[in-house]
């Protein structure tokens, strides 16, 4: 028996929610794995486009999950995916935060925090690799990804300059080759 899409969204995003150290962006490789590779709900291109729309819009990074829910099941999917991604992790973070606050002087809390920081950074780096792979469709896309990453890493300018330059270049190339 096929499980309704709403329950699939709730089950999948609730599980990712409690395992997402570092926020929604850190969970993107896992989300990509089940949305694109495992379940085939969308292809790499659609996934990258939905991610880009969510990242370009003002608001929290978790909006990406809402857009996936909307894409899969309309407004009810948007609501289900958003709640499934936010409610379990919020309850867990609140509970753990209360426990840790009471043990802040503990050596184990210091060790745990020091151990989780590199894991969160690694998950964010994995997100970058997954998204670059999903967005990579042409050599120009790969070059733009690399140049934007170098610009953000080495310059002190706002990353929106890289975004603007990439959009102008990509639109110009599309116009010339059409």
Foldseek 3Di string as FASTA:
>chain_A
DDDDPLVVLLVVLLVLQQVQQQPDLLSQVVVCCCCPPNPNVDHLQVLLVLQVVLVVDDDDSCQSQLSSLCSRPNPSRSVSNSCSNPVNNVVVCVVVVVVCVVVVVPPVSVVVVVVSVVVSVVSNVVSLVSSLVSNDDDVLSNVLSVVLVCCVVPDPDDSVVSVVVSVVVVVVVVVVVD
